[in-house]
Structure formats: C-alpha cells, structure tokens
Amino acid sequence: MLHGMTRPGPAHPELQRFARALASTGASVLLPEIREWMELEFAPERAQEVIRASVDWLETSSEIAPSGVMLVGFSFGAPQALLAAADERLMGKIQGLVWWGGYADIERTFRFSFTGVHEWEGDTYRQTPNPYARWVIGKNCIPLSPTMADHGEVAGALHRLACEAGENRVPVWGPAGDHLRSELRSALPSGDRPLFDVFAPPSSQEPDASAAQSIVDELVPAIRRALPLIEPLPLIRRLPVATRLLHSRSDQLIPFTETLRLARALEGLEGKSPGLCTHLTGLFGHSGDAVAGSRWMRAKENLNFLASLRGIFELDER
C-alpha cells in the first residue's frame, strides 16, 4: 500500500486506518516508506525501485502465504502503482490494483491546482483547489524550468509551506496559513516575490490566471523531459491485472475527472484490464475527511462504497 506525497508517509492516520481495515480481513499489509515522497520530492524512479523490492519481499517471505500481491496506491502513489502493475518485470506477481485519487494527465492536474477548473465530456466543473498541490509542484518543478531555475529561493519557500501544512495538518487554504505565507514572502528577494505570489497568494485571493497559465505551459514540458515516469499512462500498453479505480467527487487536490480520464484510456488499451471497475464517491475528500450531506444521501453513498470495497476484497480471493 503506497502513501502519497505527504510528510507523515506510511504513518498518515487515514492510511493507517485503511491498512488496519485490510489487515482485519486476514491479508498481510505492507506500508513501505518512500522517503523522497516524505520530503515532497516526485522521485518516480525511486518509487518504482521501492515497489519492486516490496513485491519481491512479499512474494518470497516465509511469513506470508503465497497468494499474489495486490497494489493499493493513494494520490501521487496511485499512478506509480499503475505503472508497477504494468511492469513486465512484475508480471505474474501482481494480481490486482486499487487506485485512489490519482491523476492521468499531468498538465490538466497542474492547471487544476491553479484554477480549480476541470472538465469531462463537455461539462466544466470548478472547485476551490487546495494550494498544497501548487506548493509541491513549485518545489519540484521550478528548479527544472529553463526560465525559472534561478528562483530557487521560491522553490524553498514553497517547500517550507507544504511541509508546514503536512506536519501540522492545518487548513492551508484558509487564513491560518496567511502569517507564514507573508513571513516567507518578506524573506524573499524582491525579484522572486511575483513568482511566489502566483503559487502562494493570500487566502483571500486566487492565483493570477494569465501568469498561472504561463507557468503551467513552462513547467509541464520541463517535468516531462526530466521525469518521464511522472506520467505513467503514455508508457502503458497493457494492464493484465484486475483494477479498481476510486475517487472522491469533492477532491480539491486532484479532480475526480482524472480518474474518469484514466478509466477511458485503460478501456482502450490493447491489453485491457480483465476486471476494470470505476467508482466515484461523495463520502470522502482527498485523504479520508468526511463530506457533509443528507442522511439519505450518505446512506446511499455508504452502500455504493461498500459495494466497491467488496470488489476490492474479491481481488484477493482469486
């Protein structure tokens, strides 16, 4: 089970809760620590090394019954779990994939983090994006940009913001984070502040739309060149394992339309997943926080979510 881009890593409370739920069924659950992700570094190559080593250990451990491995990936970990499930070196070792809240297209995901706008089949949606994603993007991508690489202090300030949010679990999009934003901005050279303002404006403001578009146009090609594994979907030709895709409709870090987009792409693969199932839920946010709703709607969502979980557990019975 893979954690996402988060300071607590495998100790994240919601991840621990889900791991205990899976373990209560009799499954053996391994939560590998990907230290680069805990430092908020993308590092997809390192993630694949950890996944392969984890799968090999589960396959050969004398303490675990040999019944095949199921990968579960959350958030940033979901696309990396997908890539591993399609890895020829792991063929025959992985029997199932569970994806929660991941992305299919890095450009659309980056743009959403600035604008909150996403679309699917002609319908446009708008949500208030969680700025945490922008800060992690800036930390990783600014040093890779041909025109922004000299703004390293901005990347460092964004890293500090994201670390503070991850460690203290404060509502970073609200006024609670404004004091630190102002403090970090003041410490930057004056020439760095306009770029910082696009990534981390005060909570009462949105990023400048035109500047944000220019930044996305610059950063996406840079990250694709430097880290091709960051966007697994173009690299996958077949997915020979049963797959469950889940996403929250209210996700403010990665929009639910990214999972719909992934499902459409996987359906078109030459080697299609033998058990592809997609489920959107209104019960959770990005990492397990509950979403309000009427008692009837929550009861209905509970039933639908339990049905999708039943499908997950069935993967372990094959």
Foldseek 3Di string as FASTA:
>chain_A
DFDALFQCGCNPPLNVVVQVVVVVVVADDDRDGDVCSNLLELPLVSVLVRVVVVLVCQCPPPVHDHQADEEEAAELRQLSQQLNLQDPVCPPRHAEYEGERYFQDPLQLLLCLQFQWDDDPPDIDGDAAQLLLLLSLLLHQQCLFPPRVVLNLLSVLSSVLNNVCRVVVDSCLDQVVQVSLVVSLVPGDPVNNLVSCQSDPHSVDGHDNVVSVVVSVRRPVSCCVVPVSSNNLVVGQARAHAYEYEYECNENNGHPVRSVVVLVSLVPHPHHYPHYYYDYANQAYRRRHGDDDDPVNVVVRVVRVVVSVVVVVVSSVD
